[in-house]
Amino acid sequence: NLLMGAGFSQISVRALGGWNASMAQ
């Protein structure tokens, strides 16, 4: 929503880590 509101297109958002990485962190 923030990127669209600023005018951007072709937006891609990726996770950096999942459940196990979260527990490790």
PDBML (XML) file of the C-alpha atoms, coordinates in Angstrom:
<?xml version="1.0" encoding="UTF-8" ?>
<PDBx:datablock datablockName="MODEL"
   xmlns:PDBx="http://pdbml.pdb.org/schema/pdbx-v50.xsd"
   xmlns:xsi="http://www.w3.org/2001/XMLSchema-instance"
   xsi:schemaLocation="http://pdbml.pdb.org/schema/pdbx-v50.xsd pdbx-v50.xsd">
   <PDBx:atom_siteCategory>
      <PDBx:atom_site id="1">
         <PDBx:B_iso_or_equiv>0.00</PDBx:B_iso_or_equiv>
         <PDBx:Cartn_x>0.000</PDBx:Cartn_x>
         <PDBx:Cartn_y>0.000</PDBx:Cartn_y>
         <PDBx:Cartn_z>0.000</PDBx:Cartn_z>
         <PDBx:auth_asym_id>A</PDBx:auth_asym_id>
         <PDBx:auth_atom_id>CA</PDBx:auth_atom_id>
         <PDBx:auth_comp_id>ASN</PDBx:auth_comp_id>
         <PDBx:auth_seq_id>1</PDBx:auth_seq_id>
         <PDBx:group_PDB>ATOM</PDBx:group_PDB>
         <PDBx:label_alt_id xsi:nil="true" />
         <PDBx:label_asym_id>A</PDBx:label_asym_id>
         <PDBx:label_atom_id>CA</PDBx:label_atom_id>
         <PDBx:label_comp_id>ASN</PDBx:label_comp_id>
         <PDBx:label_entity_id>1</PDBx:label_entity_id>
         <PDBx:label_seq_id>1</PDBx:label_seq_id>
         <PDBx:occupancy>1.00</PDBx:occupancy>
         <PDBx:pdbx_PDB_model_num>1</PDBx:pdbx_PDB_model_num>
         <PDBx:type_symbol>C</PDBx:type_symbol>
      </PDBx:atom_site>
      <PDBx:atom_site id="2">
         <PDBx:B_iso_or_equiv>0.00</PDBx:B_iso_or_equiv>
         <PDBx:Cartn_x>2.819</PDBx:Cartn_x>
         <PDBx:Cartn_y>2.429</PDBx:Cartn_y>
         <PDBx:Cartn_z>0.811</PDBx:Cartn_z>
         <PDBx:auth_asym_id>A</PDBx:auth_asym_id>
         <PDBx:auth_atom_id>CA</PDBx:auth_atom_id>
         <PDBx:auth_comp_id>LEU</PDBx:auth_comp_id>
         <PDBx:auth_seq_id>2</PDBx:auth_seq_id>
         <PDBx:group_PDB>ATOM</PDBx:group_PDB>
         <PDBx:label_alt_id xsi:nil="true" />
         <PDBx:label_asym_id>A</PDBx:label_asym_id>
         <PDBx:label_atom_id>CA</PDBx:label_atom_id>
         <PDBx:label_comp_id>LEU</PDBx:label_comp_id>
         <PDBx:label_entity_id>1</PDBx:label_entity_id>
         <PDBx:label_seq_id>2</PDBx:label_seq_id>
         <PDBx:occupancy>1.00</PDBx:occupancy>
         <PDBx:pdbx_PDB_model_num>1</PDBx:pdbx_PDB_model_num>
         <PDBx:type_symbol>C</PDBx:type_symbol>
      </PDBx:atom_site>
      <PDBx:atom_site id="3">
         <PDBx:B_iso_or_equiv>0.00</PDBx:B_iso_or_equiv>
         <PDBx:Cartn_x>4.594</PDBx:Cartn_x>
         <PDBx:Cartn_y>1.770</PDBx:Cartn_y>
         <PDBx:Cartn_z>-2.476</PDBx:Cartn_z>
         <PDBx:auth_asym_id>A</PDBx:auth_asym_id>
         <PDBx:auth_atom_id>CA</PDBx:auth_atom_id>
         <PDBx:auth_comp_id>LEU</PDBx:auth_comp_id>
         <PDBx:auth_seq_id>3</PDBx:auth_seq_id>
         <PDBx:group_PDB>ATOM</PDBx:group_PDB>
         <PDBx:label_alt_id xsi:nil="true" />
         <PDBx:label_asym_id>A</PDBx:label_asym_id>
         <PDBx:label_atom_id>CA</PDBx:label_atom_id>
         <PDBx:label_comp_id>LEU</PDBx:label_comp_id>
         <PDBx:label_entity_id>1</PDBx:label_entity_id>
         <PDBx:label_seq_id>3</PDBx:label_seq_id>
         <PDBx:occupancy>1.00</PDBx:occupancy>
         <PDBx:pdbx_PDB_model_num>1</PDBx:pdbx_PDB_model_num>
         <PDBx:type_symbol>C</PDBx:type_symbol>
      </PDBx:atom_site>
      <PDBx:atom_site id="4">
         <PDBx:B_iso_or_equiv>0.00</PDBx:B_iso_or_equiv>
         <PDBx:Cartn_x>1.398</PDBx:Cartn_x>
         <PDBx:Cartn_y>2.015</PDBx:Cartn_y>
         <PDBx:Cartn_z>-4.512</PDBx:Cartn_z>
         <PDBx:auth_asym_id>A</PDBx:auth_asym_id>
         <PDBx:auth_atom_id>CA</PDBx:auth_atom_id>
         <PDBx:auth_comp_id>MET</PDBx:auth_comp_id>
         <PDBx:auth_seq_id>4</PDBx:auth_seq_id>
         <PDBx:group_PDB>ATOM</PDBx:group_PDB>
         <PDBx:label_alt_id xsi:nil="true" />
         <PDBx:label_asym_id>A</PDBx:label_asym_id>
         <PDBx:label_atom_id>CA</PDBx:label_atom_id>
         <PDBx:label_comp_id>MET</PDBx:label_comp_id>
         <PDBx:label_entity_id>1</PDBx:label_entity_id>
         <PDBx:label_seq_id>4</PDBx:label_seq_id>
         <PDBx:occupancy>1.00</PDBx:occupancy>
         <PDBx:pdbx_PDB_model_num>1</PDBx:pdbx_PDB_model_num>
         <PDBx:type_symbol>C</PDBx:type_symbol>
      </PDBx:atom_site>
      <PDBx:atom_site id="5">
         <PDBx:B_iso_or_equiv>0.00</PDBx:B_iso_or_equiv>
         <PDBx:Cartn_x>0.517</PDBx:Cartn_x>
         <PDBx:Cartn_y>5.252</PDBx:Cartn_y>
         <PDBx:Cartn_z>-2.744</PDBx:Cartn_z>
         <PDBx:auth_asym_id>A</PDBx:auth_asym_id>
         <PDBx:auth_atom_id>CA</PDBx:auth_atom_id>
         <PDBx:auth_comp_id>GLY</PDBx:auth_comp_id>
         <PDBx:auth_seq_id>5</PDBx:auth_seq_id>
         <PDBx:group_PDB>ATOM</PDBx:group_PDB>
         <PDBx:label_alt_id xsi:nil="true" />
         <PDBx:label_asym_id>A</PDBx:label_asym_id>
         <PDBx:label_atom_id>CA</PDBx:label_atom_id>
         <PDBx:label_comp_id>GLY</PDBx:label_comp_id>
         <PDBx:label_entity_id>1</PDBx:label_entity_id>
         <PDBx:label_seq_id>5</PDBx:label_seq_id>
         <PDBx:occupancy>1.00</PDBx:occupancy>
         <PDBx:pdbx_PDB_model_num>1</PDBx:pdbx_PDB_model_num>
         <PDBx:type_symbol>C</PDBx:type_symbol>
      </PDBx:atom_site>
      <PDBx:atom_site id="6">
         <PDBx:B_iso_or_equiv>0.00</PDBx:B_iso_or_equiv>
         <PDBx:Cartn_x>3.879</PDBx:Cartn_x>
         <PDBx:Cartn_y>6.719</PDBx:Cartn_y>
         <PDBx:Cartn_z>-3.717</PDBx:Cartn_z>
         <PDBx:auth_asym_id>A</PDBx:auth_asym_id>
         <PDBx:auth_atom_id>CA</PDBx:auth_atom_id>
         <PDBx:auth_comp_id>ALA</PDBx:auth_comp_id>
         <PDBx:auth_seq_id>6</PDBx:auth_seq_id>
         <PDBx:group_PDB>ATOM</PDBx:group_PDB>
         <PDBx:label_alt_id xsi:nil="true" />
         <PDBx:label_asym_id>A</PDBx:label_asym_id>
         <PDBx:label_atom_id>CA</PDBx:label_atom_id>
         <PDBx:label_comp_id>ALA</PDBx:label_comp_id>
         <PDBx:label_entity_id>1</PDBx:label_entity_id>
         <PDBx:label_seq_id>6</PDBx:label_seq_id>
         <PDBx:occupancy>1.00</PDBx:occupancy>
         <PDBx:pdbx_PDB_model_num>1</PDBx:pdbx_PDB_model_num>
         <PDBx:type_symbol>C</PDBx:type_symbol>
      </PDBx:atom_site>
      <PDBx:atom_site id="7">
         <PDBx:B_iso_or_equiv>0.00</PDBx:B_iso_or_equiv>
         <PDBx:Cartn_x>3.261</PDBx:Cartn_x>
         <PDBx:Cartn_y>5.832</PDBx:Cartn_y>
         <PDBx:Cartn_z>-7.371</PDBx:Cartn_z>
         <PDBx:auth_asym_id>A</PDBx:auth_asym_id>
         <PDBx:auth_atom_id>CA</PDBx:auth_atom_id>
         <PDBx:auth_comp_id>GLY</PDBx:auth_comp_id>
         <PDBx:auth_seq_id>7</PDBx:auth_seq_id>
         <PDBx:group_PDB>ATOM</PDBx:group_PDB>
         <PDBx:label_alt_id xsi:nil="true" />
         <PDBx:label_asym_id>A</PDBx:label_asym_id>
         <PDBx:label_atom_id>CA</PDBx:label_atom_id>
         <PDBx:label_comp_id>GLY</PDBx:label_comp_id>
         <PDBx:label_entity_id>1</PDBx:label_entity_id>
         <PDBx:label_seq_id>7</PDBx:label_seq_id>
         <PDBx:occupancy>1.00</PDBx:occupancy>
         <PDBx:pdbx_PDB_model_num>1</PDBx:pdbx_PDB_model_num>
         <PDBx:type_symbol>C</PDBx:type_symbol>
      </PDBx:atom_site>
      <PDBx:atom_site id="8">
         <PDBx:B_iso_or_equiv>0.00</PDBx:B_iso_or_equiv>
         <PDBx:Cartn_x>5.273</PDBx:Cartn_x>
         <PDBx:Cartn_y>2.629</PDBx:Cartn_y>
         <PDBx:Cartn_z>-7.781</PDBx:Cartn_z>
         <PDBx:auth_asym_id>A</PDBx:auth_asym_id>
         <PDBx:auth_atom_id>CA</PDBx:auth_atom_id>
         <PDBx:auth_comp_id>PHE</PDBx:auth_comp_id>
         <PDBx:auth_seq_id>8</PDBx:auth_seq_id>
         <PDBx:group_PDB>ATOM</PDBx:group_PDB>
         <PDBx:label_alt_id xsi:nil="true" />
         <PDBx:label_asym_id>A</PDBx:label_asym_id>
         <PDBx:label_atom_id>CA</PDBx:label_atom_id>
         <PDBx:label_comp_id>PHE</PDBx:label_comp_id>
         <PDBx:label_entity_id>1</PDBx:label_entity_id>
         <PDBx:label_seq_id>8</PDBx:label_seq_id>
         <PDBx:occupancy>1.00</PDBx:occupancy>
         <PDBx:pdbx_PDB_model_num>1</PDBx:pdbx_PDB_model_num>
         <PDBx:type_symbol>C</PDBx:type_symbol>
      </PDBx:atom_site>
      <PDBx:atom_site id="9">
         <PDBx:B_iso_or_equiv>0.00</PDBx:B_iso_or_equiv>
         <PDBx:Cartn_x>4.316</PDBx:Cartn_x>
         <PDBx:Cartn_y>-0.356</PDBx:Cartn_y>
         <PDBx:Cartn_z>-9.938</PDBx:Cartn_z>
         <PDBx:auth_asym_id>A</PDBx:auth_asym_id>
         <PDBx:auth_atom_id>CA</PDBx:auth_atom_id>
         <PDBx:auth_comp_id>SER</PDBx:auth_comp_id>
         <PDBx:auth_seq_id>9</PDBx:auth_seq_id>
         <PDBx:group_PDB>ATOM</PDBx:group_PDB>
         <PDBx:label_alt_id xsi:nil="true" />
         <PDBx:label_asym_id>A</PDBx:label_asym_id>
         <PDBx:label_atom_id>CA</PDBx:label_atom_id>
         <PDBx:label_comp_id>SER</PDBx:label_comp_id>
         <PDBx:label_entity_id>1</PDBx:label_entity_id>
         <PDBx:label_seq_id>9</PDBx:label_seq_id>
         <PDBx:occupancy>1.00</PDBx:occupancy>
         <PDBx:pdbx_PDB_model_num>1</PDBx:pdbx_PDB_model_num>
         <PDBx:type_symbol>C</PDBx:type_symbol>
      </PDBx:atom_site>
      <PDBx:atom_site id="10">
         <PDBx:B_iso_or_equiv>0.00</PDBx:B_iso_or_equiv>
         <PDBx:Cartn_x>5.496</PDBx:Cartn_x>
         <PDBx:Cartn_y>-3.961</PDBx:Cartn_y>
         <PDBx:Cartn_z>-10.367</PDBx:Cartn_z>
         <PDBx:auth_asym_id>A</PDBx:auth_asym_id>
         <PDBx:auth_atom_id>CA</PDBx:auth_atom_id>
         <PDBx:auth_comp_id>GLN</PDBx:auth_comp_id>
         <PDBx:auth_seq_id>10</PDBx:auth_seq_id>
         <PDBx:group_PDB>ATOM</PDBx:group_PDB>
         <PDBx:label_alt_id xsi:nil="true" />
         <PDBx:label_asym_id>A</PDBx:label_asym_id>
         <PDBx:label_atom_id>CA</PDBx:label_atom_id>
         <PDBx:label_comp_id>GLN</PDBx:label_comp_id>
         <PDBx:label_entity_id>1</PDBx:label_entity_id>
         <PDBx:label_seq_id>10</PDBx:label_seq_id>
         <PDBx:occupancy>1.00</PDBx:occupancy>
         <PDBx:pdbx_PDB_model_num>1</PDBx:pdbx_PDB_model_num>
         <PDBx:type_symbol>C</PDBx:type_symbol>
      </PDBx:atom_site>
      <PDBx:atom_site id="11">
         <PDBx:B_iso_or_equiv>0.00</PDBx:B_iso_or_equiv>
         <PDBx:Cartn_x>5.812</PDBx:Cartn_x>
         <PDBx:Cartn_y>-4.307</PDBx:Cartn_y>
         <PDBx:Cartn_z>-6.604</PDBx:Cartn_z>
         <PDBx:auth_asym_id>A</PDBx:auth_asym_id>
         <PDBx:auth_atom_id>CA</PDBx:auth_atom_id>
         <PDBx:auth_comp_id>ILE</PDBx:auth_comp_id>
         <PDBx:auth_seq_id>11</PDBx:auth_seq_id>
         <PDBx:group_PDB>ATOM</PDBx:group_PDB>
         <PDBx:label_alt_id xsi:nil="true" />
         <PDBx:label_asym_id>A</PDBx:label_asym_id>
         <PDBx:label_atom_id>CA</PDBx:label_atom_id>
         <PDBx:label_comp_id>ILE</PDBx:label_comp_id>
         <PDBx:label_entity_id>1</PDBx:label_entity_id>
         <PDBx:label_seq_id>11</PDBx:label_seq_id>
         <PDBx:occupancy>1.00</PDBx:occupancy>
         <PDBx:pdbx_PDB_model_num>1</PDBx:pdbx_PDB_model_num>
         <PDBx:type_symbol>C</PDBx:type_symbol>
      </PDBx:atom_site>
      <PDBx:atom_site id="12">
         <PDBx:B_iso_or_equiv>0.00</PDBx:B_iso_or_equiv>
         <PDBx:Cartn_x>7.419</PDBx:Cartn_x>
         <PDBx:Cartn_y>-7.468</PDBx:Cartn_y>
         <PDBx:Cartn_z>-5.226</PDBx:Cartn_z>
         <PDBx:auth_asym_id>A</PDBx:auth_asym_id>
         <PDBx:auth_atom_id>CA</PDBx:auth_atom_id>
         <PDBx:auth_comp_id>SER</PDBx:auth_comp_id>
         <PDBx:auth_seq_id>12</PDBx:auth_seq_id>
         <PDBx:group_PDB>ATOM</PDBx:group_PDB>
         <PDBx:label_alt_id xsi:nil="true" />
         <PDBx:label_asym_id>A</PDBx:label_asym_id>
         <PDBx:label_atom_id>CA</PDBx:label_atom_id>
         <PDBx:label_comp_id>SER</PDBx:label_comp_id>
         <PDBx:label_entity_id>1</PDBx:label_entity_id>
         <PDBx:label_seq_id>12</PDBx:label_seq_id>
         <PDBx:occupancy>1.00</PDBx:occupancy>
         <PDBx:pdbx_PDB_model_num>1</PDBx:pdbx_PDB_model_num>
         <PDBx:type_symbol>C</PDBx:type_symbol>
      </PDBx:atom_site>
      <PDBx:atom_site id="13">
         <PDBx:B_iso_or_equiv>0.00</PDBx:B_iso_or_equiv>
         <PDBx:Cartn_x>7.772</PDBx:Cartn_x>
         <PDBx:Cartn_y>-8.326</PDBx:Cartn_y>
         <PDBx:Cartn_z>-1.516</PDBx:Cartn_z>
         <PDBx:auth_asym_id>A</PDBx:auth_asym_id>
         <PDBx:auth_atom_id>CA</PDBx:auth_atom_id>
         <PDBx:auth_comp_id>VAL</PDBx:auth_comp_id>
         <PDBx:auth_seq_id>13</PDBx:auth_seq_id>
         <PDBx:group_PDB>ATOM</PDBx:group_PDB>
         <PDBx:label_alt_id xsi:nil="true" />
         <PDBx:label_asym_id>A</PDBx:label_asym_id>
         <PDBx:label_atom_id>CA</PDBx:label_atom_id>
         <PDBx:label_comp_id>VAL</PDBx:label_comp_id>
         <PDBx:label_entity_id>1</PDBx:label_entity_id>
         <PDBx:label_seq_id>13</PDBx:label_seq_id>
         <PDBx:occupancy>1.00</PDBx:occupancy>
         <PDBx:pdbx_PDB_model_num>1</PDBx:pdbx_PDB_model_num>
         <PDBx:type_symbol>C</PDBx:type_symbol>
      </PDBx:atom_site>
      <PDBx:atom_site id="14">
         <PDBx:B_iso_or_equiv>0.00</PDBx:B_iso_or_equiv>
         <PDBx:Cartn_x>9.725</PDBx:Cartn_x>
         <PDBx:Cartn_y>-11.380</PDBx:Cartn_y>
         <PDBx:Cartn_z>-0.341</PDBx:Cartn_z>
         <PDBx:auth_asym_id>A</PDBx:auth_asym_id>
         <PDBx:auth_atom_id>CA</PDBx:auth_atom_id>
         <PDBx:auth_comp_id>ARG</PDBx:auth_comp_id>
         <PDBx:auth_seq_id>14</PDBx:auth_seq_id>
         <PDBx:group_PDB>ATOM</PDBx:group_PDB>
         <PDBx:label_alt_id xsi:nil="true" />
         <PDBx:label_asym_id>A</PDBx:label_asym_id>
         <PDBx:label_atom_id>CA</PDBx:label_atom_id>
         <PDBx:label_comp_id>ARG</PDBx:label_comp_id>
         <PDBx:label_entity_id>1</PDBx:label_entity_id>
         <PDBx:label_seq_id>14</PDBx:label_seq_id>
         <PDBx:occupancy>1.00</PDBx:occupancy>
         <PDBx:pdbx_PDB_model_num>1</PDBx:pdbx_PDB_model_num>
         <PDBx:type_symbol>C</PDBx:type_symbol>
      </PDBx:atom_site>
      <PDBx:atom_site id="15">
         <PDBx:B_iso_or_equiv>0.00</PDBx:B_iso_or_equiv>
         <PDBx:Cartn_x>10.303</PDBx:Cartn_x>
         <PDBx:Cartn_y>-12.910</PDBx:Cartn_y>
         <PDBx:Cartn_z>3.075</PDBx:Cartn_z>
         <PDBx:auth_asym_id>A</PDBx:auth_asym_id>
         <PDBx:auth_atom_id>CA</PDBx:auth_atom_id>
         <PDBx:auth_comp_id>ALA</PDBx:auth_comp_id>
         <PDBx:auth_seq_id>15</PDBx:auth_seq_id>
         <PDBx:group_PDB>ATOM</PDBx:group_PDB>
         <PDBx:label_alt_id xsi:nil="true" />
         <PDBx:label_asym_id>A</PDBx:label_asym_id>
         <PDBx:label_atom_id>CA</PDBx:label_atom_id>
         <PDBx:label_comp_id>ALA</PDBx:label_comp_id>
         <PDBx:label_entity_id>1</PDBx:label_entity_id>
         <PDBx:label_seq_id>15</PDBx:label_seq_id>
         <PDBx:occupancy>1.00</PDBx:occupancy>
         <PDBx:pdbx_PDB_model_num>1</PDBx:pdbx_PDB_model_num>
         <PDBx:type_symbol>C</PDBx:type_symbol>
      </PDBx:atom_site>
      <PDBx:atom_site id="16">
         <PDBx:B_iso_or_equiv>0.00</PDBx:B_iso_or_equiv>
         <PDBx:Cartn_x>13.862</PDBx:Cartn_x>
         <PDBx:Cartn_y>-13.106</PDBx:Cartn_y>
         <PDBx:Cartn_z>4.382</PDBx:Cartn_z>
         <PDBx:auth_asym_id>A</PDBx:auth_asym_id>
         <PDBx:auth_atom_id>CA</PDBx:auth_atom_id>
         <PDBx:auth_comp_id>LEU</PDBx:auth_comp_id>
         <PDBx:auth_seq_id>16</PDBx:auth_seq_id>
         <PDBx:group_PDB>ATOM</PDBx:group_PDB>
         <PDBx:label_alt_id xsi:nil="true" />
         <PDBx:label_asym_id>A</PDBx:label_asym_id>
         <PDBx:label_atom_id>CA</PDBx:label_atom_id>
         <PDBx:label_comp_id>LEU</PDBx:label_comp_id>
         <PDBx:label_entity_id>1</PDBx:label_entity_id>
         <PDBx:label_seq_id>16</PDBx:label_seq_id>
         <PDBx:occupancy>1.00</PDBx:occupancy>
         <PDBx:pdbx_PDB_model_num>1</PDBx:pdbx_PDB_model_num>
         <PDBx:type_symbol>C</PDBx:type_symbol>
      </PDBx:atom_site>
      <PDBx:atom_site id="17">
         <PDBx:B_iso_or_equiv>0.00</PDBx:B_iso_or_equiv>
         <PDBx:Cartn_x>13.306</PDBx:Cartn_x>
         <PDBx:Cartn_y>-16.131</PDBx:Cartn_y>
         <PDBx:Cartn_z>6.620</PDBx:Cartn_z>
         <PDBx:auth_asym_id>A</PDBx:auth_asym_id>
         <PDBx:auth_atom_id>CA</PDBx:auth_atom_id>
         <PDBx:auth_comp_id>GLY</PDBx:auth_comp_id>
         <PDBx:auth_seq_id>17</PDBx:auth_seq_id>
         <PDBx:group_PDB>ATOM</PDBx:group_PDB>
         <PDBx:label_alt_id xsi:nil="true" />
         <PDBx:label_asym_id>A</PDBx:label_asym_id>
         <PDBx:label_atom_id>CA</PDBx:label_atom_id>
         <PDBx:label_comp_id>GLY</PDBx:label_comp_id>
         <PDBx:label_entity_id>1</PDBx:label_entity_id>
         <PDBx:label_seq_id>17</PDBx:label_seq_id>
         <PDBx:occupancy>1.00</PDBx:occupancy>
         <PDBx:pdbx_PDB_model_num>1</PDBx:pdbx_PDB_model_num>
         <PDBx:type_symbol>C</PDBx:type_symbol>
      </PDBx:atom_site>
      <PDBx:atom_site id="18">
         <PDBx:B_iso_or_equiv>0.00</PDBx:B_iso_or_equiv>
         <PDBx:Cartn_x>10.561</PDBx:Cartn_x>
         <PDBx:Cartn_y>-18.421</PDBx:Cartn_y>
         <PDBx:Cartn_z>7.887</PDBx:Cartn_z>
         <PDBx:auth_asym_id>A</PDBx:auth_asym_id>
         <PDBx:auth_atom_id>CA</PDBx:auth_atom_id>
         <PDBx:auth_comp_id>GLY</PDBx:auth_comp_id>
         <PDBx:auth_seq_id>18</PDBx:auth_seq_id>
         <PDBx:group_PDB>ATOM</PDBx:group_PDB>
         <PDBx:label_alt_id xsi:nil="true" />
         <PDBx:label_asym_id>A</PDBx:label_asym_id>
         <PDBx:label_atom_id>CA</PDBx:label_atom_id>
         <PDBx:label_comp_id>GLY</PDBx:label_comp_id>
         <PDBx:label_entity_id>1</PDBx:label_entity_id>
         <PDBx:label_seq_id>18</PDBx:label_seq_id>
         <PDBx:occupancy>1.00</PDBx:occupancy>
         <PDBx:pdbx_PDB_model_num>1</PDBx:pdbx_PDB_model_num>
         <PDBx:type_symbol>C</PDBx:type_symbol>
      </PDBx:atom_site>
      <PDBx:atom_site id="19">
         <PDBx:B_iso_or_equiv>0.00</PDBx:B_iso_or_equiv>
         <PDBx:Cartn_x>9.627</PDBx:Cartn_x>
         <PDBx:Cartn_y>-20.217</PDBx:Cartn_y>
         <PDBx:Cartn_z>11.116</PDBx:Cartn_z>
         <PDBx:auth_asym_id>A</PDBx:auth_asym_id>
         <PDBx:auth_atom_id>CA</PDBx:auth_atom_id>
         <PDBx:auth_comp_id>TRP</PDBx:auth_comp_id>
         <PDBx:auth_seq_id>19</PDBx:auth_seq_id>
         <PDBx:group_PDB>ATOM</PDBx:group_PDB>
         <PDBx:label_alt_id xsi:nil="true" />
         <PDBx:label_asym_id>A</PDBx:label_asym_id>
         <PDBx:label_atom_id>CA</PDBx:label_atom_id>
         <PDBx:label_comp_id>TRP</PDBx:label_comp_id>
         <PDBx:label_entity_id>1</PDBx:label_entity_id>
         <PDBx:label_seq_id>19</PDBx:label_seq_id>
         <PDBx:occupancy>1.00</PDBx:occupancy>
         <PDBx:pdbx_PDB_model_num>1</PDBx:pdbx_PDB_model_num>
         <PDBx:type_symbol>C</PDBx:type_symbol>
      </PDBx:atom_site>
      <PDBx:atom_site id="20">
         <PDBx:B_iso_or_equiv>0.00</PDBx:B_iso_or_equiv>
         <PDBx:Cartn_x>12.961</PDBx:Cartn_x>
         <PDBx:Cartn_y>-21.943</PDBx:Cartn_y>
         <PDBx:Cartn_z>11.783</PDBx:Cartn_z>
         <PDBx:auth_asym_id>A</PDBx:auth_asym_id>
         <PDBx:auth_atom_id>CA</PDBx:auth_atom_id>
         <PDBx:auth_comp_id>ASN</PDBx:auth_comp_id>
         <PDBx:auth_seq_id>20</PDBx:auth_seq_id>
         <PDBx:group_PDB>ATOM</PDBx:group_PDB>
         <PDBx:label_alt_id xsi:nil="true" />
         <PDBx:label_asym_id>A</PDBx:label_asym_id>
         <PDBx:label_atom_id>CA</PDBx:label_atom_id>
         <PDBx:label_comp_id>ASN</PDBx:label_comp_id>
         <PDBx:label_entity_id>1</PDBx:label_entity_id>
         <PDBx:label_seq_id>20</PDBx:label_seq_id>
         <PDBx:occupancy>1.00</PDBx:occupancy>
         <PDBx:pdbx_PDB_model_num>1</PDBx:pdbx_PDB_model_num>
         <PDBx:type_symbol>C</PDBx:type_symbol>
      </PDBx:atom_site>
      <PDBx:atom_site id="21">
         <PDBx:B_iso_or_equiv>0.00</PDBx:B_iso_or_equiv>
         <PDBx:Cartn_x>15.019</PDBx:Cartn_x>
         <PDBx:Cartn_y>-18.855</PDBx:Cartn_y>
         <PDBx:Cartn_z>11.004</PDBx:Cartn_z>
         <PDBx:auth_asym_id>A</PDBx:auth_asym_id>
         <PDBx:auth_atom_id>CA</PDBx:auth_atom_id>
         <PDBx:auth_comp_id>ALA</PDBx:auth_comp_id>
         <PDBx:auth_seq_id>21</PDBx:auth_seq_id>
         <PDBx:group_PDB>ATOM</PDBx:group_PDB>
         <PDBx:label_alt_id xsi:nil="true" />
         <PDBx:label_asym_id>A</PDBx:label_asym_id>
         <PDBx:label_atom_id>CA</PDBx:label_atom_id>
         <PDBx:label_comp_id>ALA</PDBx:label_comp_id>
         <PDBx:label_entity_id>1</PDBx:label_entity_id>
         <PDBx:label_seq_id>21</PDBx:label_seq_id>
         <PDBx:occupancy>1.00</PDBx:occupancy>
         <PDBx:pdbx_PDB_model_num>1</PDBx:pdbx_PDB_model_num>
         <PDBx:type_symbol>C</PDBx:type_symbol>
      </PDBx:atom_site>
      <PDBx:atom_site id="22">
         <PDBx:B_iso_or_equiv>0.00</PDBx:B_iso_or_equiv>
         <PDBx:Cartn_x>12.715</PDBx:Cartn_x>
         <PDBx:Cartn_y>-16.843</PDBx:Cartn_y>
         <PDBx:Cartn_z>13.268</PDBx:Cartn_z>
         <PDBx:auth_asym_id>A</PDBx:auth_asym_id>
         <PDBx:auth_atom_id>CA</PDBx:auth_atom_id>
         <PDBx:auth_comp_id>SER</PDBx:auth_comp_id>
         <PDBx:auth_seq_id>22</PDBx:auth_seq_id>
         <PDBx:group_PDB>ATOM</PDBx:group_PDB>
         <PDBx:label_alt_id xsi:nil="true" />
         <PDBx:label_asym_id>A</PDBx:label_asym_id>
         <PDBx:label_atom_id>CA</PDBx:label_atom_id>
         <PDBx:label_comp_id>SER</PDBx:label_comp_id>
         <PDBx:label_entity_id>1</PDBx:label_entity_id>
         <PDBx:label_seq_id>22</PDBx:label_seq_id>
         <PDBx:occupancy>1.00</PDBx:occupancy>
         <PDBx:pdbx_PDB_model_num>1</PDBx:pdbx_PDB_model_num>
         <PDBx:type_symbol>C</PDBx:type_symbol>
      </PDBx:atom_site>
      <PDBx:atom_site id="23">
         <PDBx:B_iso_or_equiv>0.00</PDBx:B_iso_or_equiv>
         <PDBx:Cartn_x>13.325</PDBx:Cartn_x>
         <PDBx:Cartn_y>-19.252</PDBx:Cartn_y>
         <PDBx:Cartn_z>16.139</PDBx:Cartn_z>
         <PDBx:auth_asym_id>A</PDBx:auth_asym_id>
         <PDBx:auth_atom_id>CA</PDBx:auth_atom_id>
         <PDBx:auth_comp_id>MET</PDBx:auth_comp_id>
         <PDBx:auth_seq_id>23</PDBx:auth_seq_id>
         <PDBx:group_PDB>ATOM</PDBx:group_PDB>
         <PDBx:label_alt_id xsi:nil="true" />
         <PDBx:label_asym_id>A</PDBx:label_asym_id>
         <PDBx:label_atom_id>CA</PDBx:label_atom_id>
         <PDBx:label_comp_id>MET</PDBx:label_comp_id>
         <PDBx:label_entity_id>1</PDBx:label_entity_id>
         <PDBx:label_seq_id>23</PDBx:label_seq_id>
         <PDBx:occupancy>1.00</PDBx:occupancy>
         <PDBx:pdbx_PDB_model_num>1</PDBx:pdbx_PDB_model_num>
         <PDBx:type_symbol>C</PDBx:type_symbol>
      </PDBx:atom_site>
      <PDBx:atom_site id="24">
         <PDBx:B_iso_or_equiv>0.00</PDBx:B_iso_or_equiv>
         <PDBx:Cartn_x>17.076</PDBx:Cartn_x>
         <PDBx:Cartn_y>-19.189</PDBx:Cartn_y>
         <PDBx:Cartn_z>15.464</PDBx:Cartn_z>
         <PDBx:auth_asym_id>A</PDBx:auth_asym_id>
         <PDBx:auth_atom_id>CA</PDBx:auth_atom_id>
         <PDBx:auth_comp_id>ALA</PDBx:auth_comp_id>
         <PDBx:auth_seq_id>24</PDBx:auth_seq_id>
         <PDBx:group_PDB>ATOM</PDBx:group_PDB>
         <PDBx:label_alt_id xsi:nil="true" />
         <PDBx:label_asym_id>A</PDBx:label_asym_id>
         <PDBx:label_atom_id>CA</PDBx:label_atom_id>
         <PDBx:label_comp_id>ALA</PDBx:label_comp_id>
         <PDBx:label_entity_id>1</PDBx:label_entity_id>
         <PDBx:label_seq_id>24</PDBx:label_seq_id>
         <PDBx:occupancy>1.00</PDBx:occupancy>
         <PDBx:pdbx_PDB_model_num>1</PDBx:pdbx_PDB_model_num>
         <PDBx:type_symbol>C</PDBx:type_symbol>
      </PDBx:atom_site>
      <PDBx:atom_site id="25">
         <PDBx:B_iso_or_equiv>0.00</PDBx:B_iso_or_equiv>
         <PDBx:Cartn_x>17.089</PDBx:Cartn_x>
         <PDBx:Cartn_y>-15.405</PDBx:Cartn_y>
         <PDBx:Cartn_z>15.452</PDBx:Cartn_z>
         <PDBx:auth_asym_id>A</PDBx:auth_asym_id>
         <PDBx:auth_atom_id>CA</PDBx:auth_atom_id>
         <PDBx:auth_comp_id>GLN</PDBx:auth_comp_id>
         <PDBx:auth_seq_id>25</PDBx:auth_seq_id>
         <PDBx:group_PDB>ATOM</PDBx:group_PDB>
         <PDBx:label_alt_id xsi:nil="true" />
         <PDBx:label_asym_id>A</PDBx:label_asym_id>
         <PDBx:label_atom_id>CA</PDBx:label_atom_id>
         <PDBx:label_comp_id>GLN</PDBx:label_comp_id>
         <PDBx:label_entity_id>1</PDBx:label_entity_id>
         <PDBx:label_seq_id>25</PDBx:label_seq_id>
         <PDBx:occupancy>1.00</PDBx:occupancy>
         <PDBx:pdbx_PDB_model_num>1</PDBx:pdbx_PDB_model_num>
         <PDBx:type_symbol>C</PDBx:type_symbol>
      </PDBx:atom_site>
   </PDBx:atom_siteCategory>
</PDBx:datablock>
